[in-house]
Amino acid sequence: MEFEPSAEQVLLRDNARRFLEREVAPLVAEHEARGELPAGIYSKLVEPGFVGATVPAEHGGHGLDLTSYLMLVEELAYCWGSLRSSVTTHNMVAGIIADAATPEQRARHLGPLLDGRHIAFFGLTEPNVGSDAAAVELRARADGDAWRLSGTKIMITNGTIAQTGVVIARLDEVGPTAFVVDRDETAVGARPLEKMGNLATPLAELHFEDAVVPGRNLLGEPGRGLRLALKGLAGGRCSVAFAAVGLARAALDAAVRYARERRQFGKPIGAFQLVQEMVAEMANLTDAARLMSLRAAAALAAGRKGVLESSQAKLFATEAGLRVAHMAIQVHGGYGYTREFPVERYYRDLRHLTLAEGTSQIQQLVIGRELLGLDAIR
């Protein structure tokens, strides 16, 4: 396993970092306060590789390997957690369509996602369905040459702004089935949800009231929607781990800057041993989280399922990142509790990651059952 990025990966990362510093970082404070993403931001993210990163080049994507993409995820999270959340959801949907759609479906739906004209959502979670994804209650029924969807999805990232989504619905007799939903074709009601962190990322409850979906929008085979939904679960958990590393790194860097600049008793507070102890622990936790995340990425890149490694990385990186952000606030003292400095935002955004793609408790169940060789909750 290689711990150092290749020359190509370094170039990709450094170009992405410069782009984010120049084009995105100046927008964060204003748009986070307004609770919205900048208009047209997706189109700008295409050329640096953030959008459509792992979609094969023959389908219009960048064709990046998984580890290279996850390095971009870390950089995006370092810059702006809200944008990272929105983009990785978008990329997951683009990947599902690229992988499972017919050529005709790709021609209609994939291009606008890959060039940033449309934003994507993923409709799986429901009021009564979280970790038990097989129990989806939103119903689908055939109606001539169309389908009708009825039910509710909740906690849907990009739900109020997305044009295109992949929705998992229960089709009688065959089970969970995937559909591509385009809002130009299908009426979808959306209720925004207020939340603790990721303030600029739209989160919504979606309502389907006998909503008509064209028959041609059936994605894959009936009854195999859950397989599509869960196929990328390990990769999604690995992505969350890298996002946590990016946010932890941002919190660490902010704490180091503040400890060098803030003076008390005639010297920088970084000269005090208790501050040094916190900074040292923050650095150790961040590096350990990155190493575990790289190990999970290597397992997936080698073609293994990577269930154990991804859940371990996700659990450790998110909980460690939250601890790092907590200590960054402590280093800042009272200022850390205000919005004068970004560390309170890092804490809120990291708290979200301990819930995303399966809570920390679900990860513990997965890890335990994988190690014991039992049927695991995925």
Protein backbone atom coordinates (compact mmCIF):
# COMPACT_ATOMS: atom_id res chain seq x y z
CA MET A 1 0.00 0.00 0.00
CA GLU A 2 1.33 3.42 -0.99
CA PHE A 3 0.99 6.16 1.61
CA GLU A 4 2.36 8.90 -0.63
CA PRO A 5 0.32 10.18 -3.58
CA SER A 6 1.66 9.76 -7.09
CA ALA A 7 2.98 12.73 -9.06
CA GLU A 8 -0.31 12.84 -10.98
CA GLN A 9 -2.31 12.85 -7.76
CA VAL A 10 -0.17 15.62 -6.28
CA LEU A 11 -0.76 17.73 -9.39
CA LEU A 12 -4.51 17.05 -9.24
CA ARG A 13 -4.66 17.88 -5.52
CA ASP A 14 -2.59 21.05 -5.79
CA ASN A 15 -4.58 22.35 -8.75
CA ALA A 16 -7.81 21.62 -6.89
CA ARG A 17 -6.50 23.35 -3.77
CA ARG A 18 -5.53 26.48 -5.69
CA PHE A 19 -8.90 26.54 -7.43
CA LEU A 20 -10.78 26.27 -4.13
CA GLU A 21 -8.67 28.97 -2.49
CA ARG A 22 -9.26 31.30 -5.43
CA GLU A 23 -12.84 30.59 -6.51
CA VAL A 24 -14.67 29.07 -3.54
CA ALA A 25 -13.12 30.08 -0.22
CA PRO A 26 -14.08 33.79 -0.61
CA LEU A 27 -17.74 32.74 -0.99
CA VAL A 28 -18.05 30.52 2.06
CA ALA A 29 -18.82 32.96 4.87
CA GLU A 30 -21.49 34.90 2.97
CA HIS A 31 -23.30 31.91 1.54
CA GLU A 32 -23.08 29.83 4.71
CA ALA A 33 -24.73 32.73 6.55
CA ARG A 34 -27.41 32.94 3.86
CA GLY A 35 -27.91 29.19 3.91
CA GLU A 36 -27.54 28.65 0.19
CA LEU A 37 -24.99 27.55 -2.38
CA PRO A 38 -23.75 30.11 -4.93
CA ALA A 39 -25.61 30.12 -8.23
CA GLY A 40 -23.68 28.39 -10.99
CA ILE A 41 -21.11 26.85 -8.64
CA TYR A 42 -21.50 23.36 -10.12
CA SER A 43 -20.45 24.47 -13.59
CA LYS A 44 -17.26 25.90 -12.12
CA LEU A 45 -16.50 22.61 -10.34
CA VAL A 46 -16.45 20.54 -13.52
CA GLU A 47 -13.04 21.44 -14.96
CA PRO A 48 -11.04 20.88 -11.72
CA GLY A 49 -12.54 17.37 -11.53
CA PHE A 50 -14.93 17.70 -8.60
CA VAL A 51 -18.05 16.93 -10.65
CA GLY A 52 -18.23 13.60 -12.50
CA ALA A 53 -14.87 12.59 -11.08
CA THR A 54 -15.17 8.81 -11.25
CA VAL A 55 -17.62 8.54 -14.16
CA PRO A 56 -15.76 6.81 -17.02
CA ALA A 57 -14.45 9.08 -19.75
CA GLU A 58 -16.53 7.26 -22.38
CA HIS A 59 -19.64 8.47 -20.56
CA GLY A 60 -18.39 12.05 -20.28
CA GLY A 61 -16.74 11.99 -16.85
CA HIS A 62 -13.14 12.44 -15.73
CA GLY A 63 -12.49 8.74 -15.17
CA LEU A 64 -10.48 9.27 -11.98
CA ASP A 65 -9.47 6.37 -9.79
CA LEU A 66 -11.18 6.18 -6.41
CA THR A 67 -8.23 7.37 -4.30
CA SER A 68 -7.69 10.42 -6.51
CA TYR A 69 -11.36 11.32 -6.17
CA LEU A 70 -11.27 10.90 -2.40
CA MET A 71 -8.31 13.26 -2.25
CA LEU A 72 -10.53 15.83 -3.97
CA VAL A 73 -13.27 15.11 -1.42
CA GLU A 74 -10.82 15.89 1.39
CA GLU A 75 -9.84 19.18 -0.23
CA LEU A 76 -13.46 20.15 -0.82
CA ALA A 77 -14.36 19.40 2.80
CA TYR A 78 -11.34 21.39 4.00
CA CYS A 79 -12.64 24.39 2.08
CA TRP A 80 -16.39 24.07 2.65
CA GLY A 81 -18.26 21.22 4.27
CA SER A 82 -21.62 22.25 2.85
CA LEU A 83 -20.40 22.16 -0.73
CA ARG A 84 -18.71 18.82 -0.15
CA SER A 85 -21.96 17.29 1.06
CA SER A 86 -23.87 18.53 -1.96
CA VAL A 87 -21.25 17.49 -4.50
CA THR A 88 -20.61 13.97 -3.22
CA THR A 89 -24.36 13.25 -3.27
CA HIS A 90 -24.48 14.56 -6.83
CA ASN A 91 -21.53 12.39 -7.86
CA MET A 92 -23.05 9.29 -6.29
CA VAL A 93 -26.19 9.71 -8.39
CA ALA A 94 -24.20 10.43 -11.54
CA GLY A 95 -22.21 7.26 -10.87
CA ILE A 96 -25.34 5.16 -10.43
CA ILE A 97 -26.82 6.44 -13.69
CA ALA A 98 -23.54 5.94 -15.56
CA ASP A 99 -23.31 2.39 -14.26
CA ALA A 100 -26.90 1.17 -14.42
CA ALA A 101 -28.69 3.25 -17.06
CA THR A 102 -29.38 2.33 -20.66
CA PRO A 103 -27.58 4.32 -23.38
CA GLU A 104 -30.81 6.24 -24.01
CA GLN A 105 -31.15 7.10 -20.31
CA ARG A 106 -27.54 8.24 -20.14
CA ALA A 107 -28.07 10.44 -23.18
CA ARG A 108 -31.02 12.17 -21.52
CA HIS A 109 -29.94 12.42 -17.90
CA LEU A 110 -26.18 12.10 -17.49
CA GLY A 111 -24.87 14.94 -19.65
CA PRO A 112 -26.62 17.74 -17.70
CA LEU A 113 -25.28 16.28 -14.44
CA LEU A 114 -21.72 16.06 -15.71
CA ASP A 115 -21.56 19.60 -17.07
CA GLY A 116 -23.13 21.13 -13.98
CA ARG A 117 -26.38 22.30 -15.54
CA HIS A 118 -28.42 20.01 -13.30
CA ILE A 119 -27.92 19.00 -9.67
CA ALA A 120 -28.82 15.53 -8.39
CA PHE A 121 -30.55 14.05 -5.34
CA PHE A 122 -30.75 10.49 -4.03
CA GLY A 123 -34.11 9.35 -2.69
CA LEU A 124 -33.70 6.43 -0.29
CA THR A 125 -34.27 7.52 3.34
CA GLU A 126 -37.86 7.76 4.59
CA PRO A 127 -39.54 8.75 7.87
CA ASN A 128 -39.69 5.07 8.91
CA VAL A 129 -36.68 3.86 6.93
CA GLY A 130 -33.07 4.67 7.77
CA SER A 131 -30.56 1.91 8.31
CA ASP A 132 -33.14 -0.73 7.28
CA ALA A 133 -33.04 0.32 3.65
CA ALA A 134 -34.82 -2.81 2.45
CA ALA A 135 -38.02 -1.63 4.15
CA VAL A 136 -38.79 1.29 1.81
CA GLU A 137 -42.46 2.26 1.95
CA LEU A 138 -42.77 4.70 -0.95
CA ARG A 139 -44.89 2.76 -3.45
CA ALA A 140 -44.59 2.41 -7.20
CA ARG A 141 -47.32 1.05 -9.42
CA ALA A 142 -47.62 0.61 -13.16
CA ASP A 143 -50.07 2.88 -14.97
CA GLY A 144 -50.09 2.13 -18.68
CA ASP A 145 -46.73 3.14 -20.10
CA ALA A 146 -45.83 5.10 -16.94
CA TRP A 147 -45.27 4.58 -13.22
CA ARG A 148 -46.91 6.34 -10.30
CA LEU A 149 -45.00 6.99 -7.08
CA SER A 150 -46.70 7.69 -3.75
CA GLY A 151 -45.00 8.38 -0.44
CA THR A 152 -42.39 10.47 1.32
CA LYS A 153 -38.61 10.67 1.35
CA ILE A 154 -36.75 12.56 4.05
CA MET A 155 -33.25 13.87 4.79
CA ILE A 156 -32.69 14.34 1.06
CA THR A 157 -29.54 16.32 0.29
CA ASN A 158 -30.07 18.82 -2.56
CA GLY A 159 -33.80 18.09 -2.33
CA THR A 160 -34.97 21.66 -2.93
CA ILE A 161 -32.57 22.53 -5.77
CA ALA A 162 -31.96 19.27 -7.63
CA GLN A 163 -33.40 18.66 -11.07
CA THR A 164 -32.66 14.93 -11.34
CA GLY A 165 -32.73 12.12 -8.81
CA VAL A 166 -32.58 8.40 -8.37
CA VAL A 167 -35.51 7.28 -6.21
CA ILE A 168 -35.96 3.86 -4.63
CA ALA A 169 -39.61 2.76 -4.41
CA ARG A 170 -41.34 -0.49 -3.52
CA LEU A 171 -42.91 -2.22 -6.49
CA ASP A 172 -45.46 -4.82 -5.40
CA GLU A 173 -44.34 -8.44 -5.68
CA VAL A 174 -40.75 -7.62 -6.70
CA GLY A 175 -39.59 -5.18 -4.01
CA PRO A 176 -37.39 -2.06 -4.04
CA THR A 177 -36.94 -0.67 -7.56
CA ALA A 178 -34.99 2.33 -8.85
CA PHE A 179 -36.36 5.14 -10.99
CA VAL A 180 -34.81 8.24 -12.50
CA VAL A 181 -36.96 11.22 -11.54
CA ASP A 182 -36.70 14.41 -13.59
CA ARG A 183 -38.63 17.36 -12.18
CA ASP A 184 -39.51 18.55 -15.68
CA GLU A 185 -41.47 15.29 -16.03
CA THR A 186 -42.55 14.46 -12.47
CA ALA A 187 -44.19 16.65 -9.83
CA VAL A 188 -42.27 16.41 -6.55
CA GLY A 189 -43.18 18.44 -3.48
CA ALA A 190 -40.32 19.63 -1.28
CA ARG A 191 -40.25 20.96 2.28
CA PRO A 192 -36.91 22.43 3.44
CA LEU A 193 -35.50 21.07 6.69
CA GLU A 194 -33.58 23.28 9.08
CA LYS A 195 -30.48 21.70 10.57
CA MET A 196 -27.52 22.18 12.86
CA GLY A 197 -24.67 22.13 10.34
CA ASN A 198 -23.97 22.18 6.60
CA LEU A 199 -26.14 25.27 6.55
CA ALA A 200 -25.68 26.00 2.84
CA THR A 201 -26.53 22.45 1.74
CA PRO A 202 -30.26 22.06 1.00
CA LEU A 203 -31.91 19.27 2.99
CA ALA A 204 -35.53 18.42 2.31
CA GLU A 205 -38.52 16.20 2.80
CA LEU A 206 -39.88 15.13 -0.59
CA HIS A 207 -43.51 14.25 -1.27
CA PHE A 208 -44.73 12.07 -4.11
CA GLU A 209 -48.52 12.20 -4.48
CA ASP A 210 -49.38 9.71 -7.22
CA ALA A 211 -46.51 11.33 -9.12
CA VAL A 212 -46.16 10.22 -12.74
CA VAL A 213 -42.77 8.90 -13.86
CA PRO A 214 -42.36 7.98 -17.55
CA GLY A 215 -41.99 4.24 -18.13
CA ARG A 216 -38.64 4.77 -19.82
CA ASN A 217 -37.24 6.04 -16.48
CA LEU A 218 -37.15 2.63 -14.82
CA LEU A 219 -33.49 2.23 -13.82
CA GLY A 220 -32.16 -1.30 -14.06
CA GLU A 221 -34.35 -4.31 -13.44
CA PRO A 222 -37.48 -4.25 -11.26
CA GLY A 223 -36.74 -5.44 -7.74
CA ARG A 224 -33.03 -4.69 -7.92
CA GLY A 225 -33.15 -1.10 -6.72
CA LEU A 226 -31.74 -1.89 -3.30
CA ARG A 227 -28.71 -3.50 -4.88
CA LEU A 228 -28.08 -0.29 -6.81
CA ALA A 229 -28.58 1.78 -3.68
CA LEU A 230 -26.23 -0.29 -1.53
CA LYS A 231 -23.61 -1.06 -4.17
CA GLY A 232 -21.66 2.06 -3.34
CA LEU A 233 -22.26 1.98 0.42
CA ALA A 234 -18.67 1.09 1.35
CA GLY A 235 -17.41 3.75 -1.05
CA GLY A 236 -19.83 6.28 0.44
CA ARG A 237 -18.57 5.55 3.95
CA CYS A 238 -15.00 5.88 2.73
CA SER A 239 -15.91 9.24 1.17
CA VAL A 240 -17.36 10.44 4.50
CA ALA A 241 -14.12 9.40 6.22
CA PHE A 242 -12.08 11.54 3.83
CA ALA A 243 -14.50 14.43 4.34
CA ALA A 244 -13.96 14.13 8.09
CA VAL A 245 -10.20 14.22 7.53
CA GLY A 246 -10.55 17.41 5.49
CA LEU A 247 -12.60 19.13 8.17
CA ALA A 248 -10.28 17.91 10.93
CA ARG A 249 -7.31 19.26 9.01
CA ALA A 250 -9.07 22.62 8.66
CA ALA A 251 -9.77 22.71 12.40
CA LEU A 252 -6.16 21.81 13.20
CA ASP A 253 -4.78 24.50 10.89
CA ALA A 254 -7.14 27.08 12.39
CA ALA A 255 -6.05 26.15 15.92
CA VAL A 256 -2.35 26.35 15.02
CA ARG A 257 -2.81 29.79 13.45
CA TYR A 258 -4.70 31.07 16.45
CA ALA A 259 -2.23 29.62 18.96
CA ARG A 260 0.61 31.41 17.18
CA GLU A 261 -1.18 34.76 16.99
CA ARG A 262 -3.16 35.00 20.24
CA ARG A 263 -1.06 36.36 23.08
CA GLN A 264 -1.63 36.06 26.80
CA PHE A 265 0.76 36.91 29.64
CA GLY A 266 3.15 38.42 27.12
CA LYS A 267 3.57 35.39 24.81
CA PRO A 268 1.63 33.34 22.22
CA ILE A 269 -0.76 30.89 23.83
CA GLY A 270 0.98 28.19 21.79
CA ALA A 271 3.88 28.54 24.21
CA PHE A 272 1.77 27.00 26.97
CA GLN A 273 2.13 23.26 27.35
CA LEU A 274 -1.57 22.50 27.65
CA VAL A 275 -2.20 24.18 24.29
CA GLN A 276 0.70 22.24 22.78
CA GLU A 277 -0.80 19.04 24.17
CA MET A 278 -4.12 19.74 22.46
CA VAL A 279 -2.45 20.59 19.16
CA ALA A 280 -0.38 17.41 19.31
CA GLU A 281 -3.45 15.27 19.96
CA MET A 282 -5.32 16.98 17.15
CA ALA A 283 -2.48 16.27 14.72
CA ASN A 284 -2.25 12.62 15.79
CA LEU A 285 -5.98 12.05 15.43
CA THR A 286 -6.05 13.71 12.01
CA ASP A 287 -3.12 11.69 10.68
CA ALA A 288 -4.49 8.43 12.09
CA ALA A 289 -7.86 9.13 10.46
CA ARG A 290 -6.17 9.78 7.11
CA LEU A 291 -4.20 6.53 7.30
CA MET A 292 -7.32 4.50 8.09
CA SER A 293 -9.14 6.23 5.24
CA LEU A 294 -6.31 5.48 2.81
CA ARG A 295 -6.38 1.84 3.88
CA ALA A 296 -10.10 1.64 3.15
CA ALA A 297 -9.62 3.32 -0.22
CA ALA A 298 -6.85 0.85 -1.07
CA ALA A 299 -9.13 -2.09 -0.24
CA LEU A 300 -11.86 -0.77 -2.51
CA ALA A 301 -9.40 0.10 -5.28
CA ALA A 302 -8.08 -3.48 -5.15
CA GLY A 303 -11.56 -4.76 -5.91
CA ARG A 304 -12.37 -6.02 -2.42
CA LYS A 305 -15.73 -5.29 -0.78
CA GLY A 306 -13.98 -3.20 1.85
CA VAL A 307 -16.95 -3.33 4.23
CA LEU A 308 -14.85 -3.71 7.38
CA GLU A 309 -12.17 -1.21 6.37
CA SER A 310 -14.67 1.42 5.25
CA SER A 311 -16.78 1.17 8.39
CA GLN A 312 -13.67 1.33 10.57
CA ALA A 313 -12.42 4.39 8.70
CA LYS A 314 -15.80 6.08 8.80
CA LEU A 315 -16.27 5.44 12.52
CA PHE A 316 -12.78 6.52 13.54
CA ALA A 317 -12.42 9.51 11.21
CA THR A 318 -15.76 11.08 12.08
CA GLU A 319 -15.44 10.62 15.84
CA ALA A 320 -11.78 11.70 15.78
CA GLY A 321 -12.65 14.69 13.62
CA LEU A 322 -15.34 15.74 16.06
CA ARG A 323 -12.78 15.52 18.87
CA VAL A 324 -10.34 17.63 16.83
CA ALA A 325 -12.96 20.30 16.22
CA HIS A 326 -13.88 20.28 19.92
CA MET A 327 -10.25 20.95 20.86
CA ALA A 328 -9.94 23.64 18.19
CA ILE A 329 -12.79 25.46 19.90
CA GLN A 330 -11.00 25.07 23.25
CA VAL A 331 -7.81 26.56 21.79
CA HIS A 332 -9.85 29.55 20.60
CA GLY A 333 -11.50 29.94 24.00
CA GLY A 334 -14.63 32.10 23.99
CA TYR A 335 -14.00 33.18 20.41
CA GLY A 336 -14.33 29.55 19.34
CA TYR A 337 -17.97 29.62 20.37
CA THR A 338 -18.69 32.61 18.14
CA ARG A 339 -18.97 32.86 14.37
CA GLU A 340 -16.04 35.24 14.26
CA PHE A 341 -13.91 32.16 13.61
CA PRO A 342 -14.74 29.07 11.50
CA VAL A 343 -14.06 26.39 14.12
CA GLU A 344 -17.67 26.32 15.38
CA ARG A 345 -18.73 25.56 11.80
CA TYR A 346 -16.23 22.73 11.55
CA TYR A 347 -17.67 21.23 14.72
CA ARG A 348 -21.25 21.41 13.45
CA ASP A 349 -20.34 19.98 10.06
CA LEU A 350 -18.38 17.12 11.62
CA ARG A 351 -21.30 16.29 13.88
CA HIS A 352 -23.30 15.65 10.75
CA LEU A 353 -20.71 13.17 9.50
CA THR A 354 -21.11 10.95 12.57
CA LEU A 355 -24.68 10.36 11.32
CA ALA A 356 -24.26 10.27 7.53
CA GLU A 357 -23.99 6.92 5.70
CA GLY A 358 -24.88 5.08 8.91
CA THR A 359 -24.45 6.35 12.46
CA SER A 360 -21.41 5.54 14.57
CA GLN A 361 -23.47 2.89 16.31
CA ILE A 362 -24.34 1.22 13.00
CA GLN A 363 -20.63 1.22 12.10
CA GLN A 364 -19.89 -0.54 15.39
CA LEU A 365 -22.45 -3.21 14.55
CA VAL A 366 -20.99 -3.68 11.07
CA ILE A 367 -17.43 -3.90 12.39
CA GLY A 368 -18.36 -6.35 15.14
CA ARG A 369 -20.34 -8.63 12.88
CA GLU A 370 -17.70 -8.54 10.14
CA LEU A 371 -15.02 -9.55 12.65
CA LEU A 372 -17.23 -12.28 14.08
CA GLY A 373 -18.21 -13.58 10.65
CA LEU A 374 -21.93 -13.02 11.19
CA ASP A 375 -24.52 -11.63 8.81
CA ALA A 376 -23.84 -7.92 9.03
CA ILE A 377 -26.04 -4.87 9.00
CA ARG A 378 -24.83 -2.94 6.01
